[in-house]
PDB file of N, CA and C in Angstrom:
ATOM      1  N   MET A   1     -67.635  20.565-133.843  1.00  0.00           N
ATOM      2  CA  MET A   1     -68.503  19.408-133.899  1.00  0.00           C
ATOM      3  C   MET A   1     -67.693  18.139-133.678  1.00  0.00           C
ATOM      4  N   HIS A   2     -68.303  17.212-132.991  1.00  0.00           N
ATOM      5  CA  HIS A   2     -67.702  15.909-132.756  1.00  0.00           C
ATOM      6  C   HIS A   2     -68.643  14.837-133.300  1.00  0.00           C
ATOM      7  N   LEU A   3     -68.068  13.724-133.668  1.00  0.00           N
ATOM      8  CA  LEU A   3     -68.874  12.594-134.119  1.00  0.00           C
ATOM      9  C   LEU A   3     -69.054  11.637-132.955  1.00  0.00           C
ATOM     10  N   MET A   4     -70.274  11.098-132.850  1.00  0.00           N
ATOM     11  CA  MET A   4     -70.565  10.182-131.761  1.00  0.00           C
ATOM     12  C   MET A   4     -71.453   9.069-132.312  1.00  0.00           C
ATOM     13  N   LEU A   5     -71.272   7.871-131.817  1.00  0.00           N
ATOM     14  CA  LEU A   5     -72.085   6.739-132.222  1.00  0.00           C
ATOM     15  C   LEU A   5     -73.301   6.673-131.294  1.00  0.00           C
ATOM     16  N   VAL A   6     -74.500   6.832-131.878  1.00  0.00           N
ATOM     17  CA  VAL A   6     -75.752   6.800-131.121  1.00  0.00           C
ATOM     18  C   VAL A   6     -76.686   5.808-131.805  1.00  0.00           C
ATOM     19  N   ASP A   7     -77.077   4.777-131.086  1.00  0.00           N
ATOM     20  CA  ASP A   7     -77.970   3.746-131.625  1.00  0.00           C
ATOM     21  C   ASP A   7     -77.459   3.192-132.949  1.00  0.00           C
ATOM     22  N   GLY A   8     -76.149   2.980-133.025  1.00  0.00           N
ATOM     23  CA  GLY A   8     -75.563   2.393-134.227  1.00  0.00           C
ATOM     24  C   GLY A   8     -75.368   3.357-135.376  1.00  0.00           C
ATOM     25  N   LYS A   9     -75.667   4.635-135.171  1.00  0.00           N
ATOM     26  CA  LYS A   9     -75.494   5.643-136.229  1.00  0.00           C
ATOM     27  C   LYS A   9     -74.494   6.689-135.772  1.00  0.00           C
ATOM     28  N   VAL A  10     -73.714   7.175-136.720  1.00  0.00           N
ATOM     29  CA  VAL A  10     -72.775   8.252-136.430  1.00  0.00           C
ATOM     30  C   VAL A  10     -73.518   9.579-136.570  1.00  0.00           C
ATOM     31  N   VAL A  11     -73.507  10.356-135.487  1.00  0.00           N
ATOM     32  CA  VAL A  11     -74.199  11.650-135.504  1.00  0.00           C
ATOM     33  C   VAL A  11     -73.232  12.755-135.091  1.00  0.00           C
ATOM     34  N   HIS A  12     -73.514  13.945-135.567  1.00  0.00           N
ATOM     35  CA  HIS A  12     -72.737  15.118-135.175  1.00  0.00           C
ATOM     36  C   HIS A  12     -73.258  15.623-133.834  1.00  0.00           C
ATOM     37  N   VAL A  13     -72.334  15.928-132.916  1.00  0.00           N
ATOM     38  CA  VAL A  13     -72.709  16.428-131.594  1.00  0.00           C
ATOM     39  C   VAL A  13     -71.964  17.739-131.357  1.00  0.00           C
ATOM     40  N   ASP A  14     -72.707  18.760-130.969  1.00  0.00           N
ATOM     41  CA  ASP A  14     -72.091  20.048-130.643  1.00  0.00           C
ATOM     42  C   ASP A  14     -71.538  19.967-129.218  1.00  0.00           C
ATOM     43  N   MET A  15     -70.229  19.889-129.092  1.00  0.00           N
ATOM     44  CA  MET A  15     -69.584  19.789-127.776  1.00  0.00           C
ATOM     45  C   MET A  15     -69.253  21.163-127.205  1.00  0.00           C
ATOM     46  N   GLY A  16     -69.609  22.213-127.912  1.00  0.00           N
ATOM     47  CA  GLY A  16     -69.291  23.570-127.473  1.00  0.00           C
ATOM     48  C   GLY A  16     -69.685  23.873-126.043  1.00  0.00           C
ATOM     49  N   PRO A  17     -70.949  23.631-125.660  1.00  0.00           N
ATOM     50  CA  PRO A  17     -71.358  23.935-124.280  1.00  0.00           C
ATOM     51  C   PRO A  17     -70.553  23.155-123.235  1.00  0.00           C
ATOM     52  N   VAL A  18     -70.282  21.892-123.510  1.00  0.00           N
ATOM     53  CA  VAL A  18     -69.519  21.080-122.562  1.00  0.00           C
ATOM     54  C   VAL A  18     -68.093  21.619-122.446  1.00  0.00           C
ATOM     55  N   LEU A  19     -67.489  21.917-123.586  1.00  0.00           N
ATOM     56  CA  LEU A  19     -66.115  22.421-123.574  1.00  0.00           C
ATOM     57  C   LEU A  19     -66.026  23.784-122.897  1.00  0.00           C
ATOM     58  N   ARG A  20     -67.027  24.641-123.095  1.00  0.00           N
ATOM     59  CA  ARG A  20     -67.030  25.957-122.443  1.00  0.00           C
ATOM     60  C   ARG A  20     -67.148  25.815-120.924  1.00  0.00           C
ATOM     61  N   ARG A  21     -68.012  24.898-120.461  1.00  0.00           N
ATOM     62  CA  ARG A  21     -68.136  24.669-119.005  1.00  0.00           C
ATOM     63  C   ARG A  21     -66.825  24.126-118.440  1.00  0.00           C
ATOM     64  N   HIS A  22     -66.211  23.214-119.170  1.00  0.00           N
ATOM     65  CA  HIS A  22     -64.936  22.642-118.733  1.00  0.00           C
ATOM     66  C   HIS A  22     -63.867  23.729-118.651  1.00  0.00           C
ATOM     67  N   ARG A  23     -63.775  24.569-119.663  1.00  0.00           N
ATOM     68  CA  ARG A  23     -62.776  25.648-119.684  1.00  0.00           C
ATOM     69  C   ARG A  23     -63.039  26.637-118.553  1.00  0.00           C
ATOM     70  N   ALA A  24     -64.298  26.954-118.305  1.00  0.00           N
ATOM     71  CA  ALA A  24     -64.634  27.881-117.218  1.00  0.00           C
ATOM     72  C   ALA A  24     -64.189  27.315-115.876  1.00  0.00           C
ATOM     73  N   GLU A  25     -64.328  26.003-115.696  1.00  0.00           N
ATOM     74  CA  GLU A  25     -63.906  25.380-114.447  1.00  0.00           C
ATOM     75  C   GLU A  25     -62.388  25.434-114.307  1.00  0.00           C
ATOM     76  N   ILE A  26     -61.672  25.223-115.395  1.00  0.00           N
ATOM     77  CA  ILE A  26     -60.204  25.310-115.362  1.00  0.00           C
ATOM     78  C   ILE A  26     -59.775  26.726-114.997  1.00  0.00           C
ATOM     79  N   VAL A  27     -60.402  27.714-115.599  1.00  0.00           N
ATOM     80  CA  VAL A  27     -60.072  29.114-115.304  1.00  0.00           C
ATOM     81  C   VAL A  27     -60.362  29.427-113.843  1.00  0.00           C
ATOM     82  N   ARG A  28     -61.494  28.948-113.320  1.00  0.00           N
ATOM     83  CA  ARG A  28     -61.844  29.197-111.917  1.00  0.00           C
ATOM     84  C   ARG A  28     -60.816  28.565-110.971  1.00  0.00           C
ATOM     85  N   LEU A  29     -60.437  27.332-111.249  1.00  0.00           N
ATOM     86  CA  LEU A  29     -59.456  26.662-110.395  1.00  0.00           C
ATOM     87  C   LEU A  29     -58.106  27.361-110.437  1.00  0.00           C
ATOM     88  N   ARG A  30     -57.699  27.807-111.609  1.00  0.00           N
ATOM     89  CA  ARG A  30     -56.409  28.502-111.723  1.00  0.00           C
ATOM     90  C   ARG A  30     -56.467  29.840-111.006  1.00  0.00           C
ATOM     91  N   ALA A  31     -57.578  30.549-111.127  1.00  0.00           N
ATOM     92  CA  ALA A  31     -57.723  31.826-110.422  1.00  0.00           C
ATOM     93  C   ALA A  31     -57.685  31.613-108.910  1.00  0.00           C
ATOM     94  N   ASP A  32     -58.297  30.523-108.443  1.00  0.00           N
ATOM     95  CA  ASP A  32     -58.249  30.214-107.009  1.00  0.00           C
ATOM     96  C   ASP A  32     -56.813  29.980-106.552  1.00  0.00           C
ATOM     97  N   ALA A  33     -55.991  29.422-107.440  1.00  0.00           N
ATOM     98  CA  ALA A  33     -54.596  29.131-107.086  1.00  0.00           C
ATOM     99  C   ALA A  33     -53.729  30.383-107.116  1.00  0.00           C
ATOM    100  N   ILE A  34     -53.926  31.226-108.142  1.00  0.00           N
ATOM    101  CA  ILE A  34     -53.019  32.372-108.284  1.00  0.00           C
ATOM    102  C   ILE A  34     -53.506  33.616-107.564  1.00  0.00           C
ATOM    103  N   GLY A  35     -54.786  33.660-107.197  1.00  0.00           N
ATOM    104  CA  GLY A  35     -55.327  34.838-106.515  1.00  0.00           C
ATOM    105  C   GLY A  35     -54.567  35.200-105.252  1.00  0.00           C
ATOM    106  N   PRO A  36     -54.361  34.255-104.341  1.00  0.00           N
ATOM    107  CA  PRO A  36     -53.609  34.580-103.124  1.00  0.00           C
ATOM    108  C   PRO A  36     -52.175  35.032-103.418  1.00  0.00           C
ATOM    109  N   ALA A  37     -51.540  34.429-104.421  1.00  0.00           N
ATOM    110  CA  ALA A  37     -50.179  34.844-104.779  1.00  0.00           C
ATOM    111  C   ALA A  37     -50.181  36.264-105.325  1.00  0.00           C
ATOM    112  N   ALA A  38     -51.195  36.599-106.111  1.00  0.00           N
ATOM    113  CA  ALA A  38     -51.294  37.961-106.643  1.00  0.00           C
ATOM    114  C   ALA A  38     -51.553  38.961-105.520  1.00  0.00           C
ATOM    115  N   ASP A  39     -52.412  38.593-104.576  1.00  0.00           N
ATOM    116  CA  ASP A  39     -52.688  39.466-103.429  1.00  0.00           C
ATOM    117  C   ASP A  39     -51.416  39.727-102.628  1.00  0.00           C
ATOM    118  N   LEU A  40     -50.652  38.676-102.412  1.00  0.00           N
ATOM    119  CA  LEU A  40     -49.408  38.796-101.655  1.00  0.00           C
ATOM    120  C   LEU A  40     -48.418  39.707-102.381  1.00  0.00           C
ATOM    121  N   THR A  41     -48.331  39.542-103.678  1.00  0.00           N
ATOM    122  CA  THR A  41     -47.412  40.351-104.477  1.00  0.00           C
ATOM    123  C   THR A  41     -47.789  41.818-104.430  1.00  0.00           C
ATOM    124  N   ALA A  42     -49.075  42.089-104.459  1.00  0.00           N
ATOM    125  CA  ALA A  42     -49.543  43.478-104.480  1.00  0.00           C
ATOM    126  C   ALA A  42     -49.516  44.138-103.102  1.00  0.00           C
ATOM    127  N   ASP A  43     -49.334  43.343-102.067  1.00  0.00           N
ATOM    128  CA  ASP A  43     -49.347  43.868-100.698  1.00  0.00           C
ATOM    129  C   ASP A  43     -48.023  44.577-100.394  1.00  0.00           C
ATOM    130  N   GLU A  44     -48.101  45.859-100.108  1.00  0.00           N
ATOM    131  CA  GLU A  44     -46.893  46.660 -99.863  1.00  0.00           C
ATOM    132  C   GLU A  44     -46.214  46.308 -98.541  1.00  0.00           C
ATOM    133  N   ALA A  45     -46.866  45.488 -97.715  1.00  0.00           N
ATOM    134  CA  ALA A  45     -46.277  45.111 -96.430  1.00  0.00           C
ATOM    135  C   ALA A  45     -45.130  44.121 -96.590  1.00  0.00           C
ATOM    136  N   PHE A  46     -45.049  43.489 -97.762  1.00  0.00           N
ATOM    137  CA  PHE A  46     -44.009  42.494 -97.993  1.00  0.00           C
ATOM    138  C   PHE A  46     -43.007  43.004 -99.029  1.00  0.00           C
ATOM    139  N   SER A  47     -41.729  42.729 -98.786  1.00  0.00           N
ATOM    140  CA  SER A  47     -40.697  43.098 -99.757  1.00  0.00           C
ATOM    141  C   SER A  47     -40.711  42.109-100.917  1.00  0.00           C
ATOM    142  N   THR A  48     -40.075  42.481-101.993  1.00  0.00           N
ATOM    143  CA  THR A  48     -39.974  41.602-103.152  1.00  0.00           C
ATOM    144  C   THR A  48     -39.299  40.287-102.783  1.00  0.00           C
ATOM    145  N   GLU A  49     -38.274  40.351-101.966  1.00  0.00           N
ATOM    146  CA  GLU A  49     -37.562  39.138-101.555  1.00  0.00           C
ATOM    147  C   GLU A  49     -38.441  38.224-100.703  1.00  0.00           C
ATOM    148  N   GLU A  50     -39.235  38.817 -99.805  1.00  0.00           N
ATOM    149  CA  GLU A  50     -40.137  38.012 -98.982  1.00  0.00           C
ATOM    150  C   GLU A  50     -41.178  37.314 -99.845  1.00  0.00           C
ATOM    151  N   VAL A  51     -41.702  38.045-100.800  1.00  0.00           N
ATOM    152  CA  VAL A  51     -42.710  37.477-101.694  1.00  0.00           C
ATOM    153  C   VAL A  51     -42.090  36.354-102.526  1.00  0.00           C
ATOM    154  N   LYS A  52     -40.905  36.589-103.051  1.00  0.00           N
ATOM    155  CA  LYS A  52     -40.230  35.573-103.870  1.00  0.00           C
ATOM    156  C   LYS A  52     -39.996  34.303-103.054  1.00  0.00           C
ATOM    157  N   GLU A  53     -39.570  34.461-101.812  1.00  0.00           N
ATOM    158  CA  GLU A  53     -39.321  33.305-100.948  1.00  0.00           C
ATOM    159  C   GLU A  53     -40.615  32.538-100.672  1.00  0.00           C
ATOM    160  N   MET A  54     -41.702  33.259-100.400  1.00  0.00           N
ATOM    161  CA  MET A  54     -42.983  32.601-100.144  1.00  0.00           C
ATOM    162  C   MET A  54     -43.490  31.897-101.391  1.00  0.00           C
ATOM    163  N   TRP A  55     -43.297  32.527-102.552  1.00  0.00           N
ATOM    164  CA  TRP A  55     -43.709  31.907-103.810  1.00  0.00           C
ATOM    165  C   TRP A  55     -42.958  30.600-104.021  1.00  0.00           C
ATOM    166  N   GLN A  56     -41.662  30.601-103.763  1.00  0.00           N
ATOM    167  CA  GLN A  56     -40.853  29.407-103.985  1.00  0.00           C
ATOM    168  C   GLN A  56     -41.312  28.263-103.087  1.00  0.00           C
ATOM    169  N   ARG A  57     -41.789  28.581-101.895  1.00  0.00           N
ATOM    170  CA  ARG A  57     -42.265  27.557-100.975  1.00  0.00           C
ATOM    171  C   ARG A  57     -43.702  27.139-101.254  1.00  0.00           C
ATOM    172  N   SER A  58     -44.404  27.891-102.089  1.00  0.00           N
ATOM    173  CA  SER A  58     -45.832  27.648-102.309  1.00  0.00           C
ATOM    174  C   SER A  58     -46.123  26.412-103.144  1.00  0.00           C
ATOM    175  N   GLY A  59     -45.179  26.018-103.978  1.00  0.00           N
ATOM    176  CA  GLY A  59     -45.416  24.873-104.846  1.00  0.00           C
ATOM    177  C   GLY A  59     -46.152  25.215-106.127  1.00  0.00           C
ATOM    178  N   LEU A  60     -46.434  26.501-106.356  1.00  0.00           N
ATOM    179  CA  LEU A  60     -47.083  26.890-107.610  1.00  0.00           C
ATOM    180  C   LEU A  60     -46.094  26.746-108.764  1.00  0.00           C
ATOM    181  N   SER A  61     -46.627  26.477-109.939  1.00  0.00           N
ATOM    182  CA  SER A  61     -45.769  26.356-111.122  1.00  0.00           C
ATOM    183  C   SER A  61     -45.264  27.737-111.545  1.00  0.00           C
ATOM    184  N   ASP A  62     -44.237  27.741-112.374  1.00  0.00           N
ATOM    185  CA  ASP A  62     -43.715  29.011-112.893  1.00  0.00           C
ATOM    186  C   ASP A  62     -44.786  29.764-113.669  1.00  0.00           C
ATOM    187  N   ASP A  63     -45.624  29.034-114.412  1.00  0.00           N
ATOM    188  CA  ASP A  63     -46.701  29.686-115.159  1.00  0.00           C
ATOM    189  C   ASP A  63     -47.710  30.341-114.221  1.00  0.00           C
ATOM    190  N   ASP A  64     -48.032  29.658-113.122  1.00  0.00           N
ATOM    191  CA  ASP A  64     -48.962  30.235-112.144  1.00  0.00           C
ATOM    192  C   ASP A  64     -48.372  31.475-111.495  1.00  0.00           C
ATOM    193  N   LEU A  65     -47.095  31.414-111.160  1.00  0.00           N
ATOM    194  CA  LEU A  65     -46.441  32.565-110.540  1.00  0.00           C
ATOM    195  C   LEU A  65     -46.355  33.731-111.508  1.00  0.00           C
ATOM    196  N   ASP A  66     -46.102  33.442-112.775  1.00  0.00           N
ATOM    197  CA  ASP A  66     -46.068  34.490-113.791  1.00  0.00           C
ATOM    198  C   ASP A  66     -47.450  35.136-113.919  1.00  0.00           C
ATOM    199  N   ALA A  67     -48.483  34.309-113.927  1.00  0.00           N
ATOM    200  CA  ALA A  67     -49.853  34.833-114.007  1.00  0.00           C
ATOM    201  C   ALA A  67     -50.182  35.678-112.774  1.00  0.00           C
ATOM    202  N   ALA A  68     -49.746  35.226-111.608  1.00  0.00           N
ATOM    203  CA  ALA A  68     -49.989  35.988-110.379  1.00  0.00           C
ATOM    204  C   ALA A  68     -49.282  37.335-110.425  1.00  0.00           C
ATOM    205  N   ALA A  69     -48.050  37.338-110.923  1.00  0.00           N
ATOM    206  CA  ALA A  69     -47.302  38.593-111.029  1.00  0.00           C
ATOM    207  C   ALA A  69     -47.984  39.544-112.010  1.00  0.00           C
ATOM    208  N   ASN A  70     -48.475  39.014-113.121  1.00  0.00           N
ATOM    209  CA  ASN A  70     -49.183  39.852-114.087  1.00  0.00           C
ATOM    210  C   ASN A  70     -50.467  40.423-113.491  1.00  0.00           C
ATOM    211  N   ALA A  71     -51.190  39.597-112.740  1.00  0.00           N
ATOM    212  CA  ALA A  71     -52.417  40.079-112.103  1.00  0.00           C
ATOM    213  C   ALA A  71     -52.103  41.155-111.072  1.00  0.00           C
ATOM    214  N   ALA A  72     -51.068  40.933-110.291  1.00  0.00           N
ATOM    215  CA  ALA A  72     -50.681  41.919-109.276  1.00  0.00           C
ATOM    216  C   ALA A  72     -50.258  43.226-109.934  1.00  0.00           C
ATOM    217  N   MET A  73     -49.533  43.136-111.026  1.00  0.00           N
ATOM    218  CA  MET A  73     -49.089  44.343-111.732  1.00  0.00           C
ATOM    219  C   MET A  73     -50.285  45.114-112.293  1.00  0.00           C
ATOM    220  N   ALA A  74     -51.270  44.391-112.810  1.00  0.00           N
ATOM    221  CA  ALA A  74     -52.468  45.051-113.333  1.00  0.00           C
ATOM    222  C   ALA A  74     -53.219  45.769-112.215  1.00  0.00           C
ATOM    223  N   VAL A  75     -53.361  45.098-111.062  1.00  0.00           N
ATOM    224  CA  VAL A  75     -54.032  45.722-109.918  1.00  0.00           C
ATOM    225  C   VAL A  75     -53.253  46.946-109.455  1.00  0.00           C
ATOM    226  N   TRP A  76     -51.934  46.834-109.357  1.00  0.00           N
ATOM    227  CA  TRP A  76     -51.091  47.944-108.928  1.00  0.00           C
ATOM    228  C   TRP A  76     -51.227  49.124-109.888  1.00  0.00           C
ATOM    229  N   THR A  77     -51.222  48.851-111.194  1.00  0.00           N
ATOM    230  CA  THR A  77     -51.336  49.915-112.200  1.00  0.00           C
ATOM    231  C   THR A  77     -52.676  50.638-112.068  1.00  0.00           C
ATOM    232  N   VAL A  78     -53.746  49.876-111.926  1.00  0.00           N
ATOM    233  CA  VAL A  78     -55.074  50.487-111.771  1.00  0.00           C
ATOM    234  C   VAL A  78     -55.112  51.337-110.507  1.00  0.00           C
ATOM    235  N   GLU A  79     -54.548  50.837-109.431  1.00  0.00           N
ATOM    236  CA  GLU A  79     -54.534  51.591-108.175  1.00  0.00           C
ATOM    237  C   GLU A  79     -53.737  52.886-108.316  1.00  0.00           C
ATOM    238  N   GLN A  80     -52.615  52.830-108.998  1.00  0.00           N
ATOM    239  CA  GLN A  80     -51.811  54.039-109.207  1.00  0.00           C
ATOM    240  C   GLN A  80     -52.584  55.067-110.036  1.00  0.00           C
ATOM    241  N   LEU A  81     -53.241  54.615-111.082  1.00  0.00           N
ATOM    242  CA  LEU A  81     -54.041  55.527-111.920  1.00  0.00           C
ATOM    243  C   LEU A  81     -55.209  56.094-111.134  1.00  0.00           C
ATOM    244  N   ARG A  82     -55.825  55.268-110.283  1.00  0.00           N
ATOM    245  CA  ARG A  82     -56.941  55.744-109.461  1.00  0.00           C
ATOM    246  C   ARG A  82     -56.483  56.823-108.509  1.00  0.00           C
ATOM    247  N   GLN A  83     -55.315  56.635-107.907  1.00  0.00           N
ATOM    248  CA  GLN A  83     -54.792  57.635-106.978  1.00  0.00           C
ATOM    249  C   GLN A  83     -54.437  58.939-107.691  1.00  0.00           C
ATOM    250  N   LEU A  84     -53.967  58.842-108.921  1.00  0.00           N
ATOM    251  CA  LEU A  84     -53.652  60.061-109.681  1.00  0.00           C
ATOM    252  C   LEU A  84     -54.926  60.844-110.019  1.00  0.00           C
ATOM    253  N   ALA A  85     -56.028  60.130-110.183  1.00  0.00           N
ATOM    254  CA  ALA A  85     -57.285  60.774-110.555  1.00  0.00           C
ATOM    255  C   ALA A  85     -57.983  61.418-109.366  1.00  0.00           C
ATOM    256  N   LEU A  86     -57.577  61.084-108.136  1.00  0.00           N
ATOM    257  CA  LEU A  86     -58.213  61.675-106.955  1.00  0.00           C
ATOM    258  C   LEU A  86     -57.862  63.154-106.857  1.00  0.00           C
ATOM    259  N   PRO A  87     -58.834  63.966-106.452  1.00  0.00           N
ATOM    260  CA  PRO A  87     -58.543  65.403-106.329  1.00  0.00           C
ATOM    261  C   PRO A  87     -57.654  65.717-105.146  1.00  0.00           C
TER     262      PRO A  87
END
């Protein structure tokens, strides 16, 4: 709850919906930034060194690159498990 002055009176305002929309937008923007980096990392056509070099030139922050690597690792793990489950 937040306090807000309305018509000269202090009232309680539930900012939850606004904050949730704001957070969702931040998550969407960050996913848009790290998605391509994660795709590149998971692509077997590129070596680790090539990916590292492209990441360094991308201008993404270390946190974004870490998130991209984690996303790529999760995708890779799921793909490996899926292939093991195939008959």
